[in-house]
Amino acid sequence: METLTRKKLLQMYDHVGIFHEDLAEAGKGEEYFHIHPDGTPAYKQRYDWVGPFYEGLAVAGKDEKWFHIHPNGTPAYEQKYDWVGPFQDGLAQARKDKESFHIRPDGTRVD
């Protein structure tokens, strides 16, 4: 697999983030997803926004709802939140109905 320069990646996509856990966020038009160092998309799904991978999961947004995805683009859990942050030490911040709390990688709330 050839690693492309940032300049070449930006010729392919409108937006390219940093590589983190071997994938970078990329955008073309209003669609966001992750790419490999050779510029190929990591999965077929498209989101309104994606963030970098931390602890094997990335933040993704679709239709004004937020959740985490696996490197293959599939959601890590069924729940959708008003906002989620990246995972750190096994937990991520989440917000739903003006209430803030932490969630586990399976989307369950930590009380």
C-alpha atoms as a PDB file:
ATOM      1  CA  MET A   1       0.000   0.000   0.000  1.00  0.00           C
ATOM      2  CA  GLU A   2       1.529   3.282  -1.106  1.00  0.00           C
ATOM      3  CA  THR A   3       1.407   6.152   1.373  1.00  0.00           C
ATOM      4  CA  LEU A   4       0.358   9.350  -0.367  1.00  0.00           C
ATOM      5  CA  THR A   5       1.595  12.806   0.572  1.00  0.00           C
ATOM      6  CA  ARG A   6      -0.799  15.252   2.187  1.00  0.00           C
ATOM      7  CA  LYS A   7      -0.656  17.331  -0.997  1.00  0.00           C
ATOM      8  CA  LYS A   8      -1.855  14.366  -3.104  1.00  0.00           C
ATOM      9  CA  LEU A   9      -4.572  13.489  -0.597  1.00  0.00           C
ATOM     10  CA  LEU A  10      -5.849  17.082  -0.726  1.00  0.00           C
ATOM     11  CA  GLN A  11      -6.089  16.783  -4.503  1.00  0.00           C
ATOM     12  CA  MET A  12      -8.450  13.843  -3.974  1.00  0.00           C
ATOM     13  CA  TYR A  13     -10.519  15.234  -1.080  1.00  0.00           C
ATOM     14  CA  ASP A  14     -11.773  18.627   0.117  1.00  0.00           C
ATOM     15  CA  HIS A  15     -10.657  17.921   3.681  1.00  0.00           C
ATOM     16  CA  VAL A  16      -8.063  15.541   5.140  1.00  0.00           C
ATOM     17  CA  GLY A  17      -7.334  15.323   8.865  1.00  0.00           C
ATOM     18  CA  ILE A  18      -4.388  13.767  10.642  1.00  0.00           C
ATOM     19  CA  PHE A  19      -3.750  10.030  10.639  1.00  0.00           C
ATOM     20  CA  HIS A  20      -4.551   8.544  14.000  1.00  0.00           C
ATOM     21  CA  GLU A  21      -4.678   4.782  14.565  1.00  0.00           C
ATOM     22  CA  ASP A  22      -3.800   4.362  10.838  1.00  0.00           C
ATOM     23  CA  LEU A  23      -6.868   6.227   9.509  1.00  0.00           C
ATOM     24  CA  ALA A  24      -7.542   9.904   8.780  1.00  0.00           C
ATOM     25  CA  GLU A  25     -10.819  11.710   8.495  1.00  0.00           C
ATOM     26  CA  ALA A  26     -11.596  12.938   4.981  1.00  0.00           C
ATOM     27  CA  GLY A  27     -14.373  14.894   3.370  1.00  0.00           C
ATOM     28  CA  LYS A  28     -15.673  15.378  -0.127  1.00  0.00           C
ATOM     29  CA  GLY A  29     -18.525  17.816  -0.496  1.00  0.00           C
ATOM     30  CA  GLU A  30     -20.755  17.333   2.525  1.00  0.00           C
ATOM     31  CA  GLU A  31     -19.795  13.695   3.115  1.00  0.00           C
ATOM     32  CA  TYR A  32     -17.221  12.621   5.669  1.00  0.00           C
ATOM     33  CA  PHE A  33     -15.493   9.272   6.230  1.00  0.00           C
ATOM     34  CA  HIS A  34     -12.049   7.828   6.995  1.00  0.00           C
ATOM     35  CA  ILE A  35      -9.258   6.968   4.581  1.00  0.00           C
ATOM     36  CA  HIS A  36      -6.170   4.752   4.550  1.00  0.00           C
ATOM     37  CA  PRO A  37      -2.691   6.258   3.944  1.00  0.00           C
ATOM     38  CA  ASP A  38      -3.027   5.380   0.226  1.00  0.00           C
ATOM     39  CA  GLY A  39      -6.166   7.534   0.019  1.00  0.00           C
ATOM     40  CA  THR A  40      -8.707   4.726  -0.337  1.00  0.00           C
ATOM     41  CA  PRO A  41     -11.856   5.007   1.798  1.00  0.00           C
ATOM     42  CA  ALA A  42     -11.875   2.676   4.832  1.00  0.00           C
ATOM     43  CA  TYR A  43     -15.609   1.944   4.431  1.00  0.00           C
ATOM     44  CA  LYS A  44     -18.673   2.761   2.289  1.00  0.00           C
ATOM     45  CA  GLN A  45     -20.789   4.648   4.860  1.00  0.00           C
ATOM     46  CA  ARG A  46     -20.854   8.454   4.706  1.00  0.00           C
ATOM     47  CA  TYR A  47     -21.501  10.773   7.621  1.00  0.00           C
ATOM     48  CA  ASP A  48     -22.144  14.490   8.179  1.00  0.00           C
ATOM     49  CA  TRP A  49     -18.913  14.640  10.222  1.00  0.00           C
ATOM     50  CA  VAL A  50     -16.286  12.271  11.630  1.00  0.00           C
ATOM     51  CA  GLY A  51     -13.432  12.714  14.082  1.00  0.00           C
ATOM     52  CA  PRO A  52     -10.149  10.854  14.611  1.00  0.00           C
ATOM     53  CA  PHE A  53      -9.979   7.398  16.145  1.00  0.00           C
ATOM     54  CA  TYR A  54      -9.184   7.060  19.837  1.00  0.00           C
ATOM     55  CA  GLU A  55      -9.167   3.689  21.582  1.00  0.00           C
ATOM     56  CA  GLY A  56     -10.496   2.053  18.400  1.00  0.00           C
ATOM     57  CA  LEU A  57     -13.585   4.264  17.980  1.00  0.00           C
ATOM     58  CA  ALA A  58     -14.270   7.596  16.268  1.00  0.00           C
ATOM     59  CA  VAL A  59     -17.010  10.176  16.777  1.00  0.00           C
ATOM     60  CA  ALA A  60     -19.480  10.377  13.895  1.00  0.00           C
ATOM     61  CA  GLY A  61     -22.447  12.630  13.281  1.00  0.00           C
ATOM     62  CA  LYS A  62     -25.467  12.009  11.085  1.00  0.00           C
ATOM     63  CA  ASP A  63     -28.743  13.954  10.943  1.00  0.00           C
ATOM     64  CA  GLU A  64     -27.763  16.040  13.987  1.00  0.00           C
ATOM     65  CA  LYS A  65     -27.216  12.938  16.164  1.00  0.00           C
ATOM     66  CA  TRP A  66     -23.850  11.735  17.462  1.00  0.00           C
ATOM     67  CA  PHE A  67     -22.360   8.310  18.170  1.00  0.00           C
ATOM     68  CA  HIS A  68     -19.130   6.320  17.748  1.00  0.00           C
ATOM     69  CA  ILE A  69     -18.073   4.114  14.861  1.00  0.00           C
ATOM     70  CA  HIS A  70     -15.637   1.241  14.362  1.00  0.00           C
ATOM     71  CA  PRO A  71     -12.806   1.448  11.774  1.00  0.00           C
ATOM     72  CA  ASN A  72     -15.099  -0.399   9.318  1.00  0.00           C
ATOM     73  CA  GLY A  73     -17.631   2.467   9.558  1.00  0.00           C
ATOM     74  CA  THR A  74     -20.314   0.600  11.466  1.00  0.00           C
ATOM     75  CA  PRO A  75     -21.850   2.176  14.588  1.00  0.00           C
ATOM     76  CA  ALA A  76     -20.400   0.867  17.863  1.00  0.00           C
ATOM     77  CA  TYR A  77     -23.859   0.880  19.507  1.00  0.00           C
ATOM     78  CA  GLU A  78     -27.514   1.670  18.728  1.00  0.00           C
ATOM     79  CA  GLN A  79     -27.985   4.764  20.922  1.00  0.00           C
ATOM     80  CA  LYS A  80     -27.773   8.251  19.398  1.00  0.00           C
ATOM     81  CA  TYR A  81     -26.855  11.283  21.468  1.00  0.00           C
ATOM     82  CA  ASP A  82     -27.060  15.075  21.128  1.00  0.00           C
ATOM     83  CA  TRP A  83     -23.240  15.115  21.321  1.00  0.00           C
ATOM     84  CA  VAL A  84     -20.375  12.731  22.146  1.00  0.00           C
ATOM     85  CA  GLY A  85     -16.663  13.237  22.686  1.00  0.00           C
ATOM     86  CA  PRO A  86     -13.726  10.933  21.949  1.00  0.00           C
ATOM     87  CA  PHE A  87     -12.885   8.003  24.192  1.00  0.00           C
ATOM     88  CA  GLN A  88     -10.190   8.362  26.814  1.00  0.00           C
ATOM     89  CA  ASP A  89      -9.406   5.735  29.452  1.00  0.00           C
ATOM     90  CA  GLY A  90     -12.423   3.689  28.325  1.00  0.00           C
ATOM     91  CA  LEU A  91     -15.033   6.448  28.679  1.00  0.00           C
ATOM     92  CA  ALA A  92     -16.440   9.242  26.512  1.00  0.00           C
ATOM     93  CA  GLN A  93     -18.501  12.267  27.437  1.00  0.00           C
ATOM     94  CA  ALA A  94     -22.035  12.344  26.070  1.00  0.00           C
ATOM     95  CA  ARG A  95     -24.961  14.710  26.198  1.00  0.00           C
ATOM     96  CA  LYS A  96     -28.657  13.987  25.746  1.00  0.00           C
ATOM     97  CA  ASP A  97     -31.626  16.190  26.619  1.00  0.00           C
ATOM     98  CA  LYS A  98     -29.322  18.818  28.197  1.00  0.00           C
ATOM     99  CA  GLU A  99     -27.845  16.226  30.576  1.00  0.00           C
ATOM    100  CA  SER A 100     -24.118  15.379  30.460  1.00  0.00           C
ATOM    101  CA  PHE A 101     -22.678  12.010  31.472  1.00  0.00           C
ATOM    102  CA  HIS A 102     -20.102   9.390  30.442  1.00  0.00           C
ATOM    103  CA  ILE A 103     -20.627   6.319  28.277  1.00  0.00           C
ATOM    104  CA  ARG A 104     -18.741   3.076  27.755  1.00  0.00           C
ATOM    105  CA  PRO A 105     -17.629   1.836  24.301  1.00  0.00           C
ATOM    106  CA  ASP A 106     -20.900  -0.111  23.992  1.00  0.00           C
ATOM    107  CA  GLY A 107     -22.884   3.125  24.472  1.00  0.00           C
ATOM    108  CA  THR A 108     -24.158   2.329  27.956  1.00  0.00           C
ATOM    109  CA  ARG A 109     -24.314   5.143  30.443  1.00  0.00           C
ATOM    110  CA  VAL A 110     -22.009   5.221  33.462  1.00  0.00           C
ATOM    111  CA  ASP A 111     -23.996   6.208  36.570  1.00  0.00           C
END
